[in-house]
């Protein structure tokens, strides 16, 4: 599965490394960047991703948290 970004996370207790892949691969239709914080598209993404079920809020290195950080999400809004 192709993803756009990767982050290598090291477990401080064991020293093991884990690669977390996140973000949709490719470019937007107009050739620009998909991630556009502070726009209506960003607000829609933040509102949608905030409703995802699971314990992603507890893990700062979850793919959803990492993507929300790129979109600069504050709750349901994307801050430019």
N, C-alpha and C. Protein backbone atom coordinates (compact mmCIF):
# COMPACT_ATOMS: atom_id res chain seq x y z
N UNK A 1 0.84 -1.18 0.00
CA UNK A 1 0.00 0.00 0.00
C UNK A 1 0.89 1.24 0.00
N UNK A 2 0.71 2.08 -0.99
CA UNK A 2 1.52 3.29 -1.12
C UNK A 2 0.98 4.39 -0.21
N UNK A 3 1.87 5.00 0.52
CA UNK A 3 1.54 6.15 1.35
C UNK A 3 2.55 7.23 1.05
N UNK A 4 2.19 8.46 1.36
CA UNK A 4 3.04 9.59 0.98
C UNK A 4 4.17 9.83 1.97
N UNK A 5 3.87 9.70 3.27
CA UNK A 5 4.85 10.01 4.30
C UNK A 5 5.16 8.79 5.14
N UNK A 6 6.35 8.77 5.72
CA UNK A 6 6.72 7.72 6.67
C UNK A 6 7.40 8.37 7.87
N UNK A 7 7.25 7.72 9.01
CA UNK A 7 7.94 8.18 10.22
C UNK A 7 8.46 6.94 10.93
N UNK A 8 9.74 6.94 11.28
CA UNK A 8 10.33 5.83 12.01
C UNK A 8 10.24 6.15 13.50
N UNK A 9 9.56 5.26 14.23
CA UNK A 9 9.34 5.47 15.65
C UNK A 9 10.16 4.45 16.42
N UNK A 10 10.92 4.91 17.42
CA UNK A 10 11.74 4.03 18.23
C UNK A 10 11.10 3.86 19.60
N UNK A 11 10.94 2.61 20.01
CA UNK A 11 10.42 2.30 21.34
C UNK A 11 11.53 2.57 22.34
N UNK A 12 11.36 3.50 23.29
CA UNK A 12 12.45 3.83 24.20
C UNK A 12 12.81 2.69 25.15
N UNK A 13 11.86 1.83 25.45
CA UNK A 13 12.14 0.74 26.38
C UNK A 13 12.97 -0.37 25.74
N UNK A 14 12.62 -0.74 24.51
CA UNK A 14 13.30 -1.86 23.87
C UNK A 14 14.28 -1.45 22.78
N UNK A 15 14.13 -0.23 22.26
CA UNK A 15 15.00 0.22 21.18
C UNK A 15 14.56 -0.25 19.81
N UNK A 16 13.42 -0.97 19.74
CA UNK A 16 12.93 -1.44 18.45
C UNK A 16 12.36 -0.29 17.64
N UNK A 17 12.54 -0.40 16.34
CA UNK A 17 12.05 0.64 15.44
C UNK A 17 10.83 0.13 14.68
N UNK A 18 9.87 1.03 14.46
CA UNK A 18 8.66 0.70 13.71
C UNK A 18 8.42 1.83 12.71
N UNK A 19 8.13 1.49 11.46
CA UNK A 19 7.85 2.49 10.44
C UNK A 19 6.35 2.68 10.34
N UNK A 20 5.91 3.92 10.52
CA UNK A 20 4.50 4.26 10.40
C UNK A 20 4.32 5.00 9.08
N UNK A 21 3.46 4.46 8.20
CA UNK A 21 3.19 5.09 6.92
C UNK A 21 1.82 5.75 7.01
N UNK A 22 1.71 6.96 6.43
CA UNK A 22 0.45 7.67 6.51
C UNK A 22 0.35 8.67 5.37
N UNK A 23 -0.86 9.13 5.10
CA UNK A 23 -1.10 10.14 4.07
C UNK A 23 -1.36 9.52 2.71
N UNK A 24 -2.27 10.11 1.96
CA UNK A 24 -2.61 9.61 0.63
C UNK A 24 -1.48 9.94 -0.34
N UNK A 25 -1.09 8.97 -1.13
CA UNK A 25 -0.01 9.16 -2.09
C UNK A 25 -0.50 9.97 -3.29
N UNK A 26 0.43 10.59 -3.98
CA UNK A 26 0.11 11.30 -5.20
C UNK A 26 -0.16 12.78 -4.99
N UNK A 27 -0.55 13.42 -6.07
CA UNK A 27 -0.81 14.86 -6.04
C UNK A 27 -2.29 15.12 -6.28
N UNK A 28 -2.70 16.36 -6.02
CA UNK A 28 -4.08 16.76 -6.27
C UNK A 28 -4.31 16.87 -7.77
N UNK A 29 -5.57 17.01 -8.15
CA UNK A 29 -5.95 17.04 -9.57
C UNK A 29 -5.25 18.18 -10.32
N UNK A 30 -5.07 19.32 -9.65
CA UNK A 30 -4.43 20.46 -10.32
C UNK A 30 -2.91 20.40 -10.25
N UNK A 31 -2.36 19.32 -9.72
CA UNK A 31 -0.92 19.15 -9.65
C UNK A 31 -0.29 19.69 -8.38
N UNK A 32 -1.09 20.32 -7.53
CA UNK A 32 -0.58 20.89 -6.28
C UNK A 32 -0.56 19.86 -5.16
N UNK A 33 -0.29 20.34 -3.97
CA UNK A 33 -0.23 19.48 -2.80
C UNK A 33 -1.64 19.14 -2.34
N UNK A 34 -1.85 17.91 -1.89
CA UNK A 34 -3.16 17.52 -1.39
C UNK A 34 -3.47 18.21 -0.06
N UNK A 35 -2.45 18.40 0.74
CA UNK A 35 -2.65 18.95 2.08
C UNK A 35 -2.67 20.47 2.00
N UNK A 36 -3.83 21.04 2.26
CA UNK A 36 -4.02 22.50 2.21
C UNK A 36 -4.67 22.97 3.49
N UNK A 37 -3.89 23.21 4.54
CA UNK A 37 -4.46 23.65 5.81
C UNK A 37 -5.13 25.01 5.67
N UNK A 38 -6.17 25.20 6.46
CA UNK A 38 -6.85 26.49 6.49
C UNK A 38 -7.87 26.68 5.39
N UNK A 39 -8.17 25.65 4.63
CA UNK A 39 -9.15 25.76 3.55
C UNK A 39 -10.41 24.98 3.93
N UNK A 40 -11.44 25.09 3.10
CA UNK A 40 -12.66 24.32 3.33
C UNK A 40 -12.37 22.82 3.25
N UNK A 41 -11.46 22.46 2.35
CA UNK A 41 -11.07 21.06 2.21
C UNK A 41 -10.40 20.58 3.51
N UNK A 42 -9.58 21.44 4.10
CA UNK A 42 -8.93 21.11 5.37
C UNK A 42 -9.93 20.95 6.49
N UNK A 43 -10.93 21.85 6.54
CA UNK A 43 -11.97 21.75 7.57
C UNK A 43 -12.74 20.44 7.43
N UNK A 44 -13.04 20.06 6.18
CA UNK A 44 -13.78 18.82 5.93
C UNK A 44 -12.95 17.62 6.38
N UNK A 45 -11.64 17.63 6.09
CA UNK A 45 -10.78 16.52 6.50
C UNK A 45 -10.73 16.42 8.02
N UNK A 46 -10.55 17.55 8.70
CA UNK A 46 -10.43 17.53 10.16
C UNK A 46 -11.71 17.05 10.82
N UNK A 47 -12.86 17.48 10.31
CA UNK A 47 -14.14 17.05 10.86
C UNK A 47 -14.33 15.55 10.65
N UNK A 48 -13.95 15.06 9.46
CA UNK A 48 -14.11 13.65 9.14
C UNK A 48 -13.16 12.78 9.96
N UNK A 49 -11.91 13.20 10.08
CA UNK A 49 -10.92 12.37 10.76
C UNK A 49 -11.10 12.39 12.28
N UNK A 50 -11.77 13.41 12.81
CA UNK A 50 -12.02 13.46 14.26
C UNK A 50 -13.04 12.41 14.69
N UNK A 51 -13.87 11.97 13.74
CA UNK A 51 -14.93 11.01 14.06
C UNK A 51 -14.50 9.56 13.92
N UNK A 52 -13.25 9.32 13.53
CA UNK A 52 -12.76 7.95 13.37
C UNK A 52 -12.72 7.28 14.74
N UNK A 53 -13.27 6.07 14.79
CA UNK A 53 -13.33 5.35 16.06
C UNK A 53 -11.99 4.70 16.36
N UNK A 54 -11.79 4.34 17.61
CA UNK A 54 -10.56 3.67 18.02
C UNK A 54 -9.80 4.50 19.04
N UNK A 55 -8.62 4.03 19.38
CA UNK A 55 -7.81 4.69 20.41
C UNK A 55 -6.67 5.49 19.81
N UNK A 56 -6.87 6.04 18.62
CA UNK A 56 -5.82 6.80 17.95
C UNK A 56 -5.46 8.07 18.71
N UNK A 57 -6.37 8.60 19.53
CA UNK A 57 -6.09 9.83 20.27
C UNK A 57 -5.02 9.62 21.34
N UNK A 58 -4.90 8.36 21.81
CA UNK A 58 -3.92 8.05 22.85
C UNK A 58 -2.51 7.86 22.29
N UNK A 59 -2.39 7.60 20.99
CA UNK A 59 -1.10 7.31 20.38
C UNK A 59 -0.67 8.48 19.50
N UNK A 60 0.33 9.25 19.90
CA UNK A 60 0.75 10.40 19.08
C UNK A 60 1.34 9.99 17.73
N UNK A 61 1.74 8.73 17.58
CA UNK A 61 2.33 8.27 16.34
C UNK A 61 1.38 7.43 15.50
N UNK A 62 0.08 7.52 15.79
CA UNK A 62 -0.89 6.81 14.96
C UNK A 62 -0.98 7.54 13.62
N UNK A 63 -1.28 6.81 12.53
CA UNK A 63 -1.38 7.46 11.22
C UNK A 63 -2.40 8.60 11.21
N UNK A 64 -3.51 8.44 11.91
CA UNK A 64 -4.53 9.49 11.93
C UNK A 64 -4.00 10.74 12.63
N UNK A 65 -3.32 10.57 13.75
CA UNK A 65 -2.76 11.72 14.46
C UNK A 65 -1.69 12.42 13.64
N UNK A 66 -0.84 11.66 12.97
CA UNK A 66 0.21 12.25 12.15
C UNK A 66 -0.38 13.04 10.99
N UNK A 67 -1.43 12.49 10.36
CA UNK A 67 -2.08 13.20 9.25
C UNK A 67 -2.77 14.46 9.74
N UNK A 68 -3.42 14.37 10.89
CA UNK A 68 -4.10 15.54 11.44
C UNK A 68 -3.09 16.63 11.78
N UNK A 69 -1.90 16.25 12.18
CA UNK A 69 -0.86 17.24 12.46
C UNK A 69 -0.44 17.95 11.18
N UNK A 70 -0.32 17.20 10.08
CA UNK A 70 0.04 17.80 8.79
C UNK A 70 -1.03 18.79 8.31
N UNK A 71 -2.30 18.44 8.56
CA UNK A 71 -3.42 19.30 8.15
C UNK A 71 -3.63 20.45 9.14
N UNK A 72 -2.87 20.47 10.24
CA UNK A 72 -2.98 21.49 11.29
C UNK A 72 -4.39 21.55 11.88
N UNK A 73 -4.88 20.38 12.25
CA UNK A 73 -6.24 20.29 12.79
C UNK A 73 -6.27 20.71 14.26
N UNK A 74 -7.27 21.52 14.58
CA UNK A 74 -7.59 21.88 15.97
C UNK A 74 -9.06 21.55 16.15
N UNK A 75 -9.33 20.35 16.66
CA UNK A 75 -10.71 19.89 16.75
C UNK A 75 -11.25 19.60 15.36
N UNK A 76 -12.35 20.25 15.00
CA UNK A 76 -12.97 20.04 13.69
C UNK A 76 -12.49 21.03 12.63
N UNK A 77 -11.61 21.93 12.98
CA UNK A 77 -11.18 22.98 12.06
C UNK A 77 -9.71 22.81 11.68
N UNK A 78 -9.37 23.25 10.48
CA UNK A 78 -7.99 23.27 10.01
C UNK A 78 -7.50 24.71 10.07
N UNK A 79 -6.44 24.92 10.83
CA UNK A 79 -5.91 26.27 11.04
C UNK A 79 -4.78 26.52 10.06
N UNK A 80 -4.88 27.58 9.29
CA UNK A 80 -3.86 27.89 8.28
C UNK A 80 -2.63 28.38 8.90
